[in-house]
Amino acid sequence: MGESVFEKVVDAIDLETVFLCSTETEAKSLSLRLIKELGFKEGDIISLDFTGTSARVRLRGYIYKPGDHYNWVK
């Protein structure tokens, strides 16, 4: 199949989802777990909007961070 699609990502992948949760703390925990379970070494919560029964979150999973060795630079 050739190279991995991740080798073509310049820096990060942004994700957005909604979690059913009872607290903002639970939403943060679920967000960080999702980043890890998707296989990202590092990630950030970009935004989190808790509504009382759910939270809409935007996450960023890093493929490369500044100063990393970029596979796309050859």
N, C-alpha and C. Protein backbone atom coordinates (compact mmCIF):
# COMPACT_ATOMS: atom_id res chain seq x y z
N MET A 1 0.80 -1.20 0.00
CA MET A 1 0.00 0.00 0.00
C MET A 1 0.84 1.26 0.00
N GLY A 2 2.09 1.15 0.35
CA GLY A 2 2.95 2.32 0.35
C GLY A 2 3.05 2.97 1.71
N GLU A 3 3.32 4.27 1.69
CA GLU A 3 3.54 5.00 2.94
C GLU A 3 2.23 5.22 3.70
N SER A 4 2.37 5.44 4.99
CA SER A 4 1.23 5.74 5.84
C SER A 4 0.72 7.14 5.55
N VAL A 5 -0.58 7.32 5.64
CA VAL A 5 -1.16 8.65 5.45
C VAL A 5 -0.64 9.63 6.51
N PHE A 6 -0.25 9.12 7.68
CA PHE A 6 0.28 9.99 8.72
C PHE A 6 1.59 10.65 8.31
N GLU A 7 2.30 10.06 7.37
CA GLU A 7 3.54 10.66 6.88
C GLU A 7 3.28 11.92 6.06
N LYS A 8 2.04 12.13 5.66
CA LYS A 8 1.67 13.31 4.88
C LYS A 8 1.07 14.42 5.74
N VAL A 9 0.81 14.13 7.02
CA VAL A 9 0.27 15.15 7.92
C VAL A 9 1.39 16.10 8.30
N VAL A 10 1.16 17.40 8.16
CA VAL A 10 2.19 18.39 8.44
C VAL A 10 2.44 18.54 9.94
N ASP A 11 1.39 18.60 10.75
CA ASP A 11 1.63 18.81 12.17
C ASP A 11 0.67 18.06 13.09
N ALA A 12 -0.65 18.21 12.91
CA ALA A 12 -1.60 17.65 13.87
C ALA A 12 -2.91 17.30 13.18
N ILE A 13 -3.75 16.57 13.91
CA ILE A 13 -5.08 16.22 13.44
C ILE A 13 -6.08 16.74 14.46
N ASP A 14 -7.06 17.51 14.00
CA ASP A 14 -8.10 18.04 14.87
C ASP A 14 -9.32 17.15 14.81
N LEU A 15 -9.93 16.93 15.99
CA LEU A 15 -11.11 16.09 16.12
C LEU A 15 -12.18 16.87 16.86
N GLU A 16 -13.44 16.57 16.56
CA GLU A 16 -14.54 17.16 17.31
C GLU A 16 -15.56 16.08 17.58
N THR A 17 -16.07 16.05 18.81
CA THR A 17 -17.08 15.06 19.18
C THR A 17 -17.90 15.58 20.34
N VAL A 18 -18.95 14.84 20.69
CA VAL A 18 -19.78 15.14 21.84
C VAL A 18 -19.77 13.93 22.77
N PHE A 19 -19.45 14.16 24.04
CA PHE A 19 -19.47 13.10 25.05
C PHE A 19 -20.70 13.27 25.94
N LEU A 20 -21.36 12.17 26.28
CA LEU A 20 -22.34 12.17 27.34
C LEU A 20 -21.56 12.10 28.64
N CYS A 21 -21.76 13.07 29.54
CA CYS A 21 -21.01 13.10 30.78
C CYS A 21 -21.76 13.95 31.80
N SER A 22 -21.42 13.78 33.06
CA SER A 22 -22.14 14.50 34.11
C SER A 22 -21.39 15.70 34.67
N THR A 23 -20.09 15.83 34.34
CA THR A 23 -19.30 16.97 34.82
C THR A 23 -18.29 17.39 33.75
N GLU A 24 -17.81 18.61 33.89
CA GLU A 24 -16.77 19.09 32.98
C GLU A 24 -15.48 18.31 33.21
N THR A 25 -15.20 17.94 34.44
CA THR A 25 -14.02 17.14 34.76
C THR A 25 -14.06 15.80 34.04
N GLU A 26 -15.24 15.16 34.02
CA GLU A 26 -15.38 13.90 33.31
C GLU A 26 -15.14 14.10 31.81
N ALA A 27 -15.65 15.20 31.26
CA ALA A 27 -15.45 15.49 29.84
C ALA A 27 -13.97 15.65 29.52
N LYS A 28 -13.23 16.32 30.38
CA LYS A 28 -11.78 16.49 30.18
C LYS A 28 -11.07 15.14 30.21
N SER A 29 -11.45 14.31 31.18
CA SER A 29 -10.84 12.99 31.30
C SER A 29 -11.13 12.14 30.06
N LEU A 30 -12.37 12.14 29.61
CA LEU A 30 -12.73 11.38 28.40
C LEU A 30 -11.97 11.89 27.18
N SER A 31 -11.80 13.19 27.10
CA SER A 31 -11.09 13.80 25.96
C SER A 31 -9.65 13.31 25.90
N LEU A 32 -8.97 13.36 27.03
CA LEU A 32 -7.57 12.93 27.06
C LEU A 32 -7.44 11.43 26.83
N ARG A 33 -8.40 10.65 27.33
CA ARG A 33 -8.40 9.20 27.05
C ARG A 33 -8.58 8.93 25.57
N LEU A 34 -9.46 9.70 24.91
CA LEU A 34 -9.69 9.49 23.48
C LEU A 34 -8.41 9.76 22.69
N ILE A 35 -7.72 10.83 23.02
CA ILE A 35 -6.45 11.14 22.34
C ILE A 35 -5.49 9.97 22.45
N LYS A 36 -5.35 9.42 23.66
CA LYS A 36 -4.43 8.29 23.88
C LYS A 36 -4.91 7.03 23.17
N GLU A 37 -6.22 6.73 23.26
CA GLU A 37 -6.75 5.51 22.65
C GLU A 37 -6.69 5.54 21.13
N LEU A 38 -6.67 6.73 20.54
CA LEU A 38 -6.50 6.84 19.09
C LEU A 38 -5.03 6.73 18.67
N GLY A 39 -4.14 6.65 19.65
CA GLY A 39 -2.74 6.40 19.35
C GLY A 39 -1.84 7.63 19.27
N PHE A 40 -2.36 8.80 19.64
CA PHE A 40 -1.53 9.99 19.63
C PHE A 40 -0.65 10.02 20.87
N LYS A 41 0.62 10.38 20.69
CA LYS A 41 1.54 10.48 21.83
C LYS A 41 1.20 11.69 22.69
N GLU A 42 0.78 12.77 22.03
CA GLU A 42 0.43 14.00 22.73
C GLU A 42 -0.81 14.60 22.11
N GLY A 43 -1.52 15.39 22.91
CA GLY A 43 -2.70 16.07 22.41
C GLY A 43 -3.15 17.15 23.37
N ASP A 44 -4.05 17.99 22.89
CA ASP A 44 -4.59 19.09 23.68
C ASP A 44 -6.09 19.17 23.51
N ILE A 45 -6.74 19.70 24.52
CA ILE A 45 -8.15 20.06 24.41
C ILE A 45 -8.17 21.50 23.91
N ILE A 46 -8.70 21.71 22.72
CA ILE A 46 -8.75 23.05 22.12
C ILE A 46 -9.93 23.83 22.67
N SER A 47 -11.08 23.18 22.77
CA SER A 47 -12.24 23.82 23.38
C SER A 47 -13.13 22.75 24.00
N LEU A 48 -13.88 23.16 25.01
CA LEU A 48 -14.80 22.25 25.70
C LEU A 48 -16.00 23.07 26.15
N ASP A 49 -17.18 22.67 25.69
CA ASP A 49 -18.42 23.37 26.04
C ASP A 49 -19.33 22.38 26.76
N PHE A 50 -19.36 22.45 28.09
CA PHE A 50 -20.16 21.53 28.91
C PHE A 50 -21.56 22.12 29.06
N THR A 51 -22.59 21.28 28.83
CA THR A 51 -23.97 21.76 28.87
C THR A 51 -24.77 21.22 30.05
N GLY A 52 -24.18 20.40 30.88
CA GLY A 52 -24.90 19.82 32.01
C GLY A 52 -25.12 18.33 31.86
N THR A 53 -25.32 17.87 30.64
CA THR A 53 -25.49 16.43 30.38
C THR A 53 -24.53 15.91 29.32
N SER A 54 -23.87 16.84 28.64
CA SER A 54 -22.92 16.46 27.59
C SER A 54 -21.89 17.57 27.42
N ALA A 55 -20.87 17.26 26.63
CA ALA A 55 -19.84 18.26 26.34
C ALA A 55 -19.40 18.11 24.89
N ARG A 56 -19.41 19.21 24.17
CA ARG A 56 -18.83 19.25 22.82
C ARG A 56 -17.37 19.63 22.99
N VAL A 57 -16.49 18.80 22.44
CA VAL A 57 -15.05 19.05 22.60
C VAL A 57 -14.36 19.08 21.24
N ARG A 58 -13.37 19.94 21.15
CA ARG A 58 -12.45 19.96 20.01
C ARG A 58 -11.08 19.58 20.56
N LEU A 59 -10.48 18.58 19.91
CA LEU A 59 -9.21 18.04 20.36
C LEU A 59 -8.18 18.12 19.25
N ARG A 60 -6.92 18.18 19.63
CA ARG A 60 -5.82 18.17 18.66
C ARG A 60 -4.85 17.07 19.05
N GLY A 61 -4.68 16.11 18.14
CA GLY A 61 -3.71 15.05 18.33
C GLY A 61 -2.48 15.35 17.48
N TYR A 62 -1.34 15.42 18.13
CA TYR A 62 -0.12 15.82 17.42
C TYR A 62 0.58 14.64 16.77
N ILE A 63 0.90 14.81 15.50
CA ILE A 63 1.78 13.90 14.78
C ILE A 63 3.20 14.43 14.93
N TYR A 64 3.36 15.74 14.74
CA TYR A 64 4.64 16.42 14.90
C TYR A 64 4.44 17.68 15.72
N LYS A 65 5.35 17.95 16.62
CA LYS A 65 5.37 19.20 17.37
C LYS A 65 6.58 19.99 16.89
N PRO A 66 6.59 21.31 17.11
CA PRO A 66 7.73 22.12 16.67
C PRO A 66 9.06 21.54 17.15
N GLY A 67 9.99 21.44 16.23
CA GLY A 67 11.31 20.93 16.55
C GLY A 67 11.49 19.43 16.34
N ASP A 68 10.38 18.72 16.07
CA ASP A 68 10.47 17.29 15.79
C ASP A 68 11.17 17.04 14.44
N HIS A 69 11.60 15.82 14.24
CA HIS A 69 12.12 15.40 12.94
C HIS A 69 10.89 15.09 12.05
N TYR A 70 10.67 15.92 11.05
CA TYR A 70 9.51 15.77 10.18
C TYR A 70 9.81 14.78 9.06
N ASN A 71 9.00 13.74 8.94
CA ASN A 71 9.21 12.75 7.85
C ASN A 71 8.96 13.35 6.48
N TRP A 72 8.15 14.41 6.41
CA TRP A 72 7.83 14.99 5.12
C TRP A 72 8.92 15.94 4.60
N VAL A 73 9.94 16.21 5.42
CA VAL A 73 11.09 16.99 4.96
C VAL A 73 12.15 16.02 4.50
N LYS A 74 12.38 15.97 3.22
CA LYS A 74 13.37 15.03 2.67
C LYS A 74 14.31 15.74 1.74
